Structure formats: C-alpha cells, structure tokens
Amino acid sequence: MADTDTRTAAPVDDARRVRAVKALGRVASCLSVLMYVSYIPQIANNLAGNYGSPVQPFVAMVNCVFWTAYGLLERPRDMPIVVANIPGIVLGCVTFLTALH
C-alpha cells in the first residue's frame, strides 16, 4: 500500500523546497547588505558634524559579530549568514565611531 501521509515529502517537493529556501536566503542576504549600506548617509552626516546616536549602530555591529561567529562555527559553515553580516560589522563600527563627538 502506498504511503499517503502528507507529512512525508516526495523527492520533487523536497527539491522544490530546497530551491525555495536557497532563493529566500539569497534575497535575505541581499536585503541585509542593503540595510547596512544605508549607514553610509549617516556616516557622511556624522563626518559633516550632524551627529546621530551611536547606540543603534553599536548594537547592530555587536549583533553582526555574533551572527558572523555563528555562521563560521556552524558545520557546514553558513556562508550566507557570514556574507550578510560582514558589512554590518564594518559599517556599524564606522557609523558608531563617527557618531562619537
């Protein structure tokens, strides 16, 4: 008798799910990088003397350090998480430092 349990995925459905998850990961990684690139105008404002708060970029930087460490320590390494968070470390740090006055 054939297995009709809907909780058991057919190979085609599983392959489709894997492709969808990979695509979702790529989109999420791109959006994460864009989020941290958005710090660039704040950095420019900070350098022009219009200082923003250093709290949010500092917390974002620390968060990105932890996610990057997680991605590097995970086996196999979770490189989309690492790639998505490295700009947050760099740009969060620069934004934090330039916001100090």
PDB file of N, CA and C in Angstrom:
ATOM      1  N   MET A   1       0.845  -1.182   0.000  1.00  0.00           N
ATOM      2  CA  MET A   1       0.000   0.000   0.000  1.00  0.00           C
ATOM      3  C   MET A   1       0.886   1.239   0.000  1.00  0.00           C
ATOM      4  N   ALA A   2       0.555   2.225  -0.789  1.00  0.00           N
ATOM      5  CA  ALA A   2       1.345   3.449  -0.908  1.00  0.00           C
ATOM      6  C   ALA A   2       1.184   4.306   0.339  1.00  0.00           C
ATOM      7  N   ASP A   3       2.263   4.983   0.654  1.00  0.00           N
ATOM      8  CA  ASP A   3       2.241   5.900   1.808  1.00  0.00           C
ATOM      9  C   ASP A   3       1.517   7.178   1.393  1.00  0.00           C
ATOM     10  N   THR A   4       0.420   7.488   2.059  1.00  0.00           N
ATOM     11  CA  THR A   4      -0.357   8.680   1.719  1.00  0.00           C
ATOM     12  C   THR A   4      -0.230   9.757   2.782  1.00  0.00           C
ATOM     13  N   ASP A   5       0.700   9.596   3.708  1.00  0.00           N
ATOM     14  CA  ASP A   5       0.902  10.577   4.776  1.00  0.00           C
ATOM     15  C   ASP A   5       1.415  11.876   4.160  1.00  0.00           C
ATOM     16  N   THR A   6       0.683  12.967   4.354  1.00  0.00           N
ATOM     17  CA  THR A   6       1.078  14.245   3.755  1.00  0.00           C
ATOM     18  C   THR A   6       2.298  14.848   4.434  1.00  0.00           C
ATOM     19  N   ARG A   7       2.693  14.335   5.584  1.00  0.00           N
ATOM     20  CA  ARG A   7       3.883  14.850   6.256  1.00  0.00           C
ATOM     21  C   ARG A   7       5.154  14.349   5.611  1.00  0.00           C
ATOM     22  N   THR A   8       5.072  13.317   4.795  1.00  0.00           N
ATOM     23  CA  THR A   8       6.235  12.772   4.097  1.00  0.00           C
ATOM     24  C   THR A   8       6.331  13.446   2.738  1.00  0.00           C
ATOM     25  N   ALA A   9       7.429  14.167   2.524  1.00  0.00           N
ATOM     26  CA  ALA A   9       7.595  14.916   1.279  1.00  0.00           C
ATOM     27  C   ALA A   9       8.116  14.003   0.187  1.00  0.00           C
ATOM     28  N   ALA A  10       7.568  14.152  -0.997  1.00  0.00           N
ATOM     29  CA  ALA A  10       8.073  13.446  -2.164  1.00  0.00           C
ATOM     30  C   ALA A  10       9.389  14.087  -2.570  1.00  0.00           C
ATOM     31  N   PRO A  11      10.273  13.348  -3.245  1.00  0.00           N
ATOM     32  CA  PRO A  11      11.567  13.920  -3.648  1.00  0.00           C
ATOM     33  C   PRO A  11      11.438  15.216  -4.458  1.00  0.00           C
ATOM     34  N   VAL A  12      10.436  15.300  -5.327  1.00  0.00           N
ATOM     35  CA  VAL A  12      10.250  16.514  -6.123  1.00  0.00           C
ATOM     36  C   VAL A  12       9.886  17.687  -5.224  1.00  0.00           C
ATOM     37  N   ASP A  13       8.978  17.453  -4.281  1.00  0.00           N
ATOM     38  CA  ASP A  13       8.578  18.519  -3.359  1.00  0.00           C
ATOM     39  C   ASP A  13       9.755  18.951  -2.494  1.00  0.00           C
ATOM     40  N   ASP A  14      10.583  18.006  -2.071  1.00  0.00           N
ATOM     41  CA  ASP A  14      11.736  18.337  -1.242  1.00  0.00           C
ATOM     42  C   ASP A  14      12.743  19.165  -2.039  1.00  0.00           C
ATOM     43  N   ALA A  15      12.964  18.820  -3.285  1.00  0.00           N
ATOM     44  CA  ALA A  15      13.892  19.585  -4.131  1.00  0.00           C
ATOM     45  C   ALA A  15      13.360  20.998  -4.349  1.00  0.00           C
ATOM     46  N   ARG A  16      12.067  21.127  -4.533  1.00  0.00           N
ATOM     47  CA  ARG A  16      11.458  22.451  -4.705  1.00  0.00           C
ATOM     48  C   ARG A  16      11.617  23.280  -3.432  1.00  0.00           C
ATOM     49  N   ARG A  17      11.428  22.658  -2.284  1.00  0.00           N
ATOM     50  CA  ARG A  17      11.587  23.353  -1.002  1.00  0.00           C
ATOM     51  C   ARG A  17      13.023  23.814  -0.824  1.00  0.00           C
ATOM     52  N   VAL A  18      13.992  22.984  -1.147  1.00  0.00           N
ATOM     53  CA  VAL A  18      15.411  23.340  -1.018  1.00  0.00           C
ATOM     54  C   VAL A  18      15.732  24.535  -1.906  1.00  0.00           C
ATOM     55  N   ARG A  19      15.240  24.526  -3.154  1.00  0.00           N
ATOM     56  CA  ARG A  19      15.474  25.662  -4.059  1.00  0.00           C
ATOM     57  C   ARG A  19      14.831  26.934  -3.511  1.00  0.00           C
ATOM     58  N   ALA A  20      13.631  26.807  -2.967  1.00  0.00           N
ATOM     59  CA  ALA A  20      12.932  27.978  -2.422  1.00  0.00           C
ATOM     60  C   ALA A  20      13.678  28.539  -1.212  1.00  0.00           C
ATOM     61  N   VAL A  21      14.173  27.671  -0.360  1.00  0.00           N
ATOM     62  CA  VAL A  21      14.905  28.122   0.828  1.00  0.00           C
ATOM     63  C   VAL A  21      16.207  28.799   0.412  1.00  0.00           C
ATOM     64  N   LYS A  22      16.901  28.232  -0.573  1.00  0.00           N
ATOM     65  CA  LYS A  22      18.139  28.863  -1.052  1.00  0.00           C
ATOM     66  C   LYS A  22      17.856  30.233  -1.651  1.00  0.00           C
ATOM     67  N   ALA A  23      16.784  30.356  -2.431  1.00  0.00           N
ATOM     68  CA  ALA A  23      16.425  31.643  -3.016  1.00  0.00           C
ATOM     69  C   ALA A  23      16.070  32.640  -1.914  1.00  0.00           C
ATOM     70  N   LEU A  24      15.330  32.199  -0.925  1.00  0.00           N
ATOM     71  CA  LEU A  24      14.977  33.060   0.207  1.00  0.00           C
ATOM     72  C   LEU A  24      16.234  33.535   0.928  1.00  0.00           C
ATOM     73  N   GLY A  25      17.193  32.643   1.116  1.00  0.00           N
ATOM     74  CA  GLY A  25      18.452  33.007   1.759  1.00  0.00           C
ATOM     75  C   GLY A  25      19.221  34.048   0.969  1.00  0.00           C
ATOM     76  N   ARG A  26      19.230  33.913  -0.351  1.00  0.00           N
ATOM     77  CA  ARG A  26      19.932  34.899  -1.188  1.00  0.00           C
ATOM     78  C   ARG A  26      19.272  36.271  -1.100  1.00  0.00           C
ATOM     79  N   VAL A  27      17.950  36.291  -1.173  1.00  0.00           N
ATOM     80  CA  VAL A  27      17.223  37.564  -1.078  1.00  0.00           C
ATOM     81  C   VAL A  27      17.451  38.198   0.295  1.00  0.00           C
ATOM     82  N   ALA A  28      17.363  37.387   1.354  1.00  0.00           N
ATOM     83  CA  ALA A  28      17.574  37.902   2.714  1.00  0.00           C
ATOM     84  C   ALA A  28      18.995  38.443   2.873  1.00  0.00           C
ATOM     85  N   SER A  29      19.973  37.762   2.312  1.00  0.00           N
ATOM     86  CA  SER A  29      21.357  38.235   2.388  1.00  0.00           C
ATOM     87  C   SER A  29      21.509  39.577   1.678  1.00  0.00           C
ATOM     88  N   CYS A  30      20.918  39.709   0.491  1.00  0.00           N
ATOM     89  CA  CYS A  30      20.993  40.988  -0.242  1.00  0.00           C
ATOM     90  C   CYS A  30      20.324  42.105   0.542  1.00  0.00           C
ATOM     91  N   LEU A  31      19.164  41.827   1.125  1.00  0.00           N
ATOM     92  CA  LEU A  31      18.468  42.849   1.911  1.00  0.00           C
ATOM     93  C   LEU A  31      19.272  43.243   3.147  1.00  0.00           C
ATOM     94  N   SER A  32      19.941  42.285   3.756  1.00  0.00           N
ATOM     95  CA  SER A  32      20.766  42.578   4.917  1.00  0.00           C
ATOM     96  C   SER A  32      21.918  43.507   4.536  1.00  0.00           C
ATOM     97  N   VAL A  33      22.576  43.217   3.432  1.00  0.00           N
ATOM     98  CA  VAL A  33      23.670  44.067   2.976  1.00  0.00           C
ATOM     99  C   VAL A  33      23.150  45.473   2.674  1.00  0.00           C
ATOM    100  N   LEU A  34      22.010  45.578   2.008  1.00  0.00           N
ATOM    101  CA  LEU A  34      21.424  46.891   1.724  1.00  0.00           C
ATOM    102  C   LEU A  34      21.098  47.654   3.002  1.00  0.00           C
ATOM    103  N   MET A  35      20.632  46.935   4.023  1.00  0.00           N
ATOM    104  CA  MET A  35      20.318  47.582   5.294  1.00  0.00           C
ATOM    105  C   MET A  35      21.566  48.236   5.878  1.00  0.00           C
ATOM    106  N   TYR A  36      22.695  47.556   5.834  1.00  0.00           N
ATOM    107  CA  TYR A  36      23.911  48.115   6.412  1.00  0.00           C
ATOM    108  C   TYR A  36      24.544  49.171   5.509  1.00  0.00           C
ATOM    109  N   VAL A  37      24.374  49.052   4.205  1.00  0.00           N
ATOM    110  CA  VAL A  37      24.865  50.077   3.294  1.00  0.00           C
ATOM    111  C   VAL A  37      24.115  51.390   3.547  1.00  0.00           C
ATOM    112  N   SER A  38      22.893  51.288   4.063  1.00  0.00           N
ATOM    113  CA  SER A  38      22.117  52.504   4.348  1.00  0.00           C
ATOM    114  C   SER A  38      22.758  53.342   5.461  1.00  0.00           C
ATOM    115  N   TYR A  39      23.768  52.823   6.138  1.00  0.00           N
ATOM    116  CA  TYR A  39      24.506  53.616   7.125  1.00  0.00           C
ATOM    117  C   TYR A  39      25.378  54.690   6.462  1.00  0.00           C
ATOM    118  N   ILE A  40      25.683  54.542   5.210  1.00  0.00           N
ATOM    119  CA  ILE A  40      26.613  55.457   4.550  1.00  0.00           C
ATOM    120  C   ILE A  40      26.150  56.917   4.636  1.00  0.00           C
ATOM    121  N   PRO A  41      24.862  57.243   4.408  1.00  0.00           N
ATOM    122  CA  PRO A  41      24.451  58.641   4.589  1.00  0.00           C
ATOM    123  C   PRO A  41      24.633  59.139   6.025  1.00  0.00           C
ATOM    124  N   GLN A  42      24.413  58.265   7.007  1.00  0.00           N
ATOM    125  CA  GLN A  42      24.612  58.672   8.405  1.00  0.00           C
ATOM    126  C   GLN A  42      26.089  58.924   8.681  1.00  0.00           C
ATOM    127  N   ILE A  43      26.947  58.119   8.105  1.00  0.00           N
ATOM    128  CA  ILE A  43      28.389  58.340   8.262  1.00  0.00           C
ATOM    129  C   ILE A  43      28.762  59.702   7.679  1.00  0.00           C
ATOM    130  N   ALA A  44      28.225  60.002   6.487  1.00  0.00           N
ATOM    131  CA  ALA A  44      28.506  61.300   5.862  1.00  0.00           C
ATOM    132  C   ALA A  44      28.002  62.439   6.740  1.00  0.00           C
ATOM    133  N   ASN A  45      26.796  62.289   7.301  1.00  0.00           N
ATOM    134  CA  ASN A  45      26.264  63.314   8.211  1.00  0.00           C
ATOM    135  C   ASN A  45      27.134  63.460   9.447  1.00  0.00           C
ATOM    136  N   ASN A  46      27.570  62.340  10.012  1.00  0.00           N
ATOM    137  CA  ASN A  46      28.433  62.393  11.193  1.00  0.00           C
ATOM    138  C   ASN A  46      29.724  63.146  10.886  1.00  0.00           C
ATOM    139  N   LEU A  47      30.313  62.843   9.743  1.00  0.00           N
ATOM    140  CA  LEU A  47      31.565  63.499   9.366  1.00  0.00           C
ATOM    141  C   LEU A  47      31.367  64.989   9.084  1.00  0.00           C
ATOM    142  N   ALA A  48      30.124  65.364   8.700  1.00  0.00           N
ATOM    143  CA  ALA A  48      29.815  66.774   8.440  1.00  0.00           C
ATOM    144  C   ALA A  48      29.437  67.513   9.720  1.00  0.00           C
ATOM    145  N   GLY A  49      29.436  66.819  10.852  1.00  0.00           N
ATOM    146  CA  GLY A  49      29.118  67.460  12.122  1.00  0.00           C
ATOM    147  C   GLY A  49      27.677  67.318  12.565  1.00  0.00           C
ATOM    148  N   ASN A  50      26.834  66.627  11.790  1.00  0.00           N
ATOM    149  CA  ASN A  50      25.441  66.370  12.155  1.00  0.00           C
ATOM    150  C   ASN A  50      25.360  64.962  12.755  1.00  0.00           C
ATOM    151  N   TYR A  51      25.784  64.837  14.001  1.00  0.00           N
ATOM    152  CA  TYR A  51      25.957  63.536  14.639  1.00  0.00           C
ATOM    153  C   TYR A  51      24.634  62.845  14.927  1.00  0.00           C
ATOM    154  N   GLY A  52      24.603  61.568  14.652  1.00  0.00           N
ATOM    155  CA  GLY A  52      23.484  60.726  15.028  1.00  0.00           C
ATOM    156  C   GLY A  52      23.835  59.964  16.289  1.00  0.00           C
ATOM    157  N   SER A  53      22.885  59.227  16.807  1.00  0.00           N
ATOM    158  CA  SER A  53      23.122  58.432  18.010  1.00  0.00           C
ATOM    159  C   SER A  53      24.056  57.264  17.691  1.00  0.00           C
ATOM    160  N   PRO A  54      25.055  57.017  18.557  1.00  0.00           N
ATOM    161  CA  PRO A  54      25.954  55.890  18.330  1.00  0.00           C
ATOM    162  C   PRO A  54      25.403  54.557  18.832  1.00  0.00           C
ATOM    163  N   VAL A  55      24.276  54.574  19.539  1.00  0.00           N
ATOM    164  CA  VAL A  55      23.777  53.355  20.190  1.00  0.00           C
ATOM    165  C   VAL A  55      23.333  52.304  19.171  1.00  0.00           C
ATOM    166  N   GLN A  56      22.476  52.674  18.235  1.00  0.00           N
ATOM    167  CA  GLN A  56      21.935  51.696  17.291  1.00  0.00           C
ATOM    168  C   GLN A  56      23.027  51.056  16.429  1.00  0.00           C
ATOM    169  N   PRO A  57      23.955  51.824  15.839  1.00  0.00           N
ATOM    170  CA  PRO A  57      24.991  51.160  15.048  1.00  0.00           C
ATOM    171  C   PRO A  57      25.915  50.285  15.889  1.00  0.00           C
ATOM    172  N   PHE A  58      26.144  50.659  17.151  1.00  0.00           N
ATOM    173  CA  PHE A  58      26.979  49.813  18.019  1.00  0.00           C
ATOM    174  C   PHE A  58      26.291  48.484  18.276  1.00  0.00           C
ATOM    175  N   VAL A  59      25.010  48.526  18.598  1.00  0.00           N
ATOM    176  CA  VAL A  59      24.261  47.287  18.868  1.00  0.00           C
ATOM    177  C   VAL A  59      24.171  46.441  17.600  1.00  0.00           C
ATOM    178  N   ALA A  60      23.963  47.083  16.453  1.00  0.00           N
ATOM    179  CA  ALA A  60      23.919  46.352  15.183  1.00  0.00           C
ATOM    180  C   ALA A  60      25.264  45.677  14.912  1.00  0.00           C
ATOM    181  N   MET A  61      26.359  46.381  15.192  1.00  0.00           N
ATOM    182  CA  MET A  61      27.692  45.814  14.981  1.00  0.00           C
ATOM    183  C   MET A  61      27.904  44.586  15.858  1.00  0.00           C
ATOM    184  N   VAL A  62      27.561  44.693  17.136  1.00  0.00           N
ATOM    185  CA  VAL A  62      27.721  43.549  18.050  1.00  0.00           C
ATOM    186  C   VAL A  62      26.852  42.376  17.586  1.00  0.00           C
ATOM    187  N   ASN A  63      25.617  42.662  17.184  1.00  0.00           N
ATOM    188  CA  ASN A  63      24.728  41.621  16.681  1.00  0.00           C
ATOM    189  C   ASN A  63      25.355  40.913  15.474  1.00  0.00           C
ATOM    190  N   CYS A  64      25.931  41.686  14.567  1.00  0.00           N
ATOM    191  CA  CYS A  64      26.557  41.112  13.379  1.00  0.00           C
ATOM    192  C   CYS A  64      27.794  40.284  13.720  1.00  0.00           C
ATOM    193  N   VAL A  65      28.547  40.698  14.738  1.00  0.00           N
ATOM    194  CA  VAL A  65      29.702  39.912  15.177  1.00  0.00           C
ATOM    195  C   VAL A  65      29.230  38.527  15.638  1.00  0.00           C
ATOM    196  N   PHE A  66      28.164  38.494  16.419  1.00  0.00           N
ATOM    197  CA  PHE A  66      27.651  37.211  16.920  1.00  0.00           C
ATOM    198  C   PHE A  66      27.112  36.340  15.791  1.00  0.00           C
ATOM    199  N   TRP A  67      26.358  36.938  14.841  1.00  0.00           N
ATOM    200  CA  TRP A  67      25.838  36.148  13.734  1.00  0.00           C
ATOM    201  C   TRP A  67      26.961  35.644  12.826  1.00  0.00           C
ATOM    202  N   THR A  68      27.999  36.458  12.631  1.00  0.00           N
ATOM    203  CA  THR A  68      29.132  36.017  11.822  1.00  0.00           C
ATOM    204  C   THR A  68      29.858  34.862  12.505  1.00  0.00           C
ATOM    205  N   ALA A  69      30.066  34.977  13.809  1.00  0.00           N
ATOM    206  CA  ALA A  69      30.695  33.883  14.555  1.00  0.00           C
ATOM    207  C   ALA A  69      29.860  32.616  14.452  1.00  0.00           C
ATOM    208  N   TYR A  70      28.553  32.755  14.595  1.00  0.00           N
ATOM    209  CA  TYR A  70      27.661  31.597  14.468  1.00  0.00           C
ATOM    210  C   TYR A  70      27.821  30.952  13.091  1.00  0.00           C
ATOM    211  N   GLY A  71      27.778  31.776  12.038  1.00  0.00           N
ATOM    212  CA  GLY A  71      27.885  31.239  10.691  1.00  0.00           C
ATOM    213  C   GLY A  71      29.203  30.550  10.426  1.00  0.00           C
ATOM    214  N   LEU A  72      30.288  31.064  11.025  1.00  0.00           N
ATOM    215  CA  LEU A  72      31.608  30.447  10.835  1.00  0.00           C
ATOM    216  C   LEU A  72      31.784  29.178  11.656  1.00  0.00           C
ATOM    217  N   LEU A  73      31.149  29.123  12.810  1.00  0.00           N
ATOM    218  CA  LEU A  73      31.293  27.958  13.686  1.00  0.00           C
ATOM    219  C   LEU A  73      30.336  26.829  13.336  1.00  0.00           C
ATOM    220  N   GLU A  74      29.242  27.140  12.634  1.00  0.00           N
ATOM    221  CA  GLU A  74      28.279  26.130  12.218  1.00  0.00           C
ATOM    222  C   GLU A  74      28.947  25.167  11.240  1.00  0.00           C
ATOM    223  N   ARG A  75      28.586  23.904  11.297  1.00  0.00           N
ATOM    224  CA  ARG A  75      29.118  22.908  10.366  1.00  0.00           C
ATOM    225  C   ARG A  75      27.989  22.294   9.591  1.00  0.00           C
ATOM    226  N   PRO A  76      27.936  22.389   8.283  1.00  0.00           N
ATOM    227  CA  PRO A  76      28.868  23.159   7.473  1.00  0.00           C
ATOM    228  C   PRO A  76      28.677  24.655   7.695  1.00  0.00           C
ATOM    229  N   ARG A  77      29.703  25.412   7.371  1.00  0.00           N
ATOM    230  CA  ARG A  77      29.625  26.869   7.577  1.00  0.00           C
ATOM    231  C   ARG A  77      28.409  27.440   6.853  1.00  0.00           C
ATOM    232  N   ASP A  78      27.779  28.389   7.496  1.00  0.00           N
ATOM    233  CA  ASP A  78      26.600  29.045   6.919  1.00  0.00           C
ATOM    234  C   ASP A  78      27.052  30.363   6.299  1.00  0.00           C
ATOM    235  N   MET A  79      27.602  30.265   5.097  1.00  0.00           N
ATOM    236  CA  MET A  79      28.211  31.421   4.449  1.00  0.00           C
ATOM    237  C   MET A  79      27.232  32.546   4.103  1.00  0.00           C
ATOM    238  N   PRO A  80      25.969  32.275   3.757  1.00  0.00           N
ATOM    239  CA  PRO A  80      25.064  33.411   3.536  1.00  0.00           C
ATOM    240  C   PRO A  80      24.926  34.291   4.782  1.00  0.00           C
ATOM    241  N   ILE A  81      24.915  33.690   5.956  1.00  0.00           N
ATOM    242  CA  ILE A  81      24.834  34.479   7.192  1.00  0.00           C
ATOM    243  C   ILE A  81      26.114  35.293   7.370  1.00  0.00           C
ATOM    244  N   VAL A  82      27.250  34.685   7.103  1.00  0.00           N
ATOM    245  CA  VAL A  82      28.534  35.387   7.240  1.00  0.00           C
ATOM    246  C   VAL A  82      28.602  36.562   6.275  1.00  0.00           C
ATOM    247  N   VAL A  83      28.314  36.306   5.005  1.00  0.00           N
ATOM    248  CA  VAL A  83      28.396  37.348   3.977  1.00  0.00           C
ATOM    249  C   VAL A  83      27.419  38.486   4.264  1.00  0.00           C
ATOM    250  N   ALA A  84      26.239  38.146   4.752  1.00  0.00           N
ATOM    251  CA  ALA A  84      25.224  39.168   5.030  1.00  0.00           C
ATOM    252  C   ALA A  84      25.595  40.045   6.220  1.00  0.00           C
ATOM    253  N   ASN A  85      26.402  39.535   7.143  1.00  0.00           N
ATOM    254  CA  ASN A  85      26.685  40.279   8.364  1.00  0.00           C
ATOM    255  C   ASN A  85      28.029  40.999   8.376  1.00  0.00           C
ATOM    256  N   ILE A  86      28.950  40.657   7.508  1.00  0.00           N
ATOM    257  CA  ILE A  86      30.244  41.350   7.475  1.00  0.00           C
ATOM    258  C   ILE A  86      30.086  42.843   7.181  1.00  0.00           C
ATOM    259  N   PRO A  87      29.232  43.250   6.213  1.00  0.00           N
ATOM    260  CA  PRO A  87      29.052  44.698   6.030  1.00  0.00           C
ATOM    261  C   PRO A  87      28.494  45.376   7.283  1.00  0.00           C
ATOM    262  N   GLY A  88      27.677  44.681   8.042  1.00  0.00           N
ATOM    263  CA  GLY A  88      27.135  45.241   9.281  1.00  0.00           C
ATOM    264  C   GLY A  88      28.211  45.489  10.319  1.00  0.00           C
ATOM    265  N   ILE A  89      29.201  44.601  10.370  1.00  0.00           N
ATOM    266  CA  ILE A  89      30.319  44.800  11.308  1.00  0.00           C
ATOM    267  C   ILE A  89      31.101  46.046  10.905  1.00  0.00           C
ATOM    268  N   VAL A  90      31.485  46.108   9.637  1.00  0.00           N
ATOM    269  CA  VAL A  90      32.319  47.215   9.158  1.00  0.00           C
ATOM    270  C   VAL A  90      31.567  48.543   9.219  1.00  0.00           C
ATOM    271  N   LEU A  91      30.390  48.591   8.604  1.00  0.00           N
ATOM    272  CA  LEU A  91      29.668  49.861   8.529  1.00  0.00           C
ATOM    273  C   LEU A  91      29.066  50.257   9.877  1.00  0.00           C
ATOM    274  N   GLY A  92      28.663  49.278  10.699  1.00  0.00           N
ATOM    275  CA  GLY A  92      28.189  49.601  12.047  1.00  0.00           C
ATOM    276  C   GLY A  92      29.302  50.211  12.881  1.00  0.00           C
ATOM    277  N   CYS A  93      30.506  49.640  12.759  1.00  0.00           N
ATOM    278  CA  CYS A  93      31.654  50.167  13.502  1.00  0.00           C
ATOM    279  C   CYS A  93      31.998  51.581  13.042  1.00  0.00           C
ATOM    280  N   VAL A  94      32.054  51.802  11.725  1.00  0.00           N
ATOM    281  CA  VAL A  94      32.379  53.131  11.201  1.00  0.00           C
ATOM    282  C   VAL A  94      31.315  54.143  11.622  1.00  0.00           C
ATOM    283  N   THR A  95      30.030  53.758  11.537  1.00  0.00           N
ATOM    284  CA  THR A  95      28.963  54.666  11.928  1.00  0.00           C
ATOM    285  C   THR A  95      29.055  54.995  13.414  1.00  0.00           C
ATOM    286  N   PHE A  96      29.310  53.970  14.237  1.00  0.00           N
ATOM    287  CA  PHE A  96      29.464  54.178  15.674  1.00  0.00           C
ATOM    288  C   PHE A  96      30.606  55.147  15.959  1.00  0.00           C
ATOM    289  N   LEU A  97      31.771  54.894  15.366  1.00  0.00           N
ATOM    290  CA  LEU A  97      32.943  55.732  15.645  1.00  0.00           C
ATOM    291  C   LEU A  97      32.764  57.165  15.169  1.00  0.00           C
ATOM    292  N   THR A  98      32.123  57.332  14.003  1.00  0.00           N
ATOM    293  CA  THR A  98      31.938  58.697  13.514  1.00  0.00           C
ATOM    294  C   THR A  98      30.822  59.434  14.246  1.00  0.00           C
ATOM    295  N   ALA A  99      29.948  58.714  14.960  1.00  0.00           N
ATOM    296  CA  ALA A  99      28.874  59.354  15.719  1.00  0.00           C
ATOM    297  C   ALA A  99      29.361  59.860  17.077  1.00  0.00           C
ATOM    298  N   LEU A 100      30.537  59.398  17.495  1.00  0.00           N
ATOM    299  CA  LEU A 100      31.082  59.868  18.777  1.00  0.00           C
ATOM    300  C   LEU A 100      31.586  61.288  18.603  1.00  0.00           C
ATOM    301  N   HIS A 101      31.208  62.160  19.487  1.00  0.00           N
ATOM    302  CA  HIS A 101      31.681  63.556  19.388  1.00  0.00           C
ATOM    303  C   HIS A 101      32.052  64.066  20.736  1.00  0.00           C
TER     304      HIS A 101
END
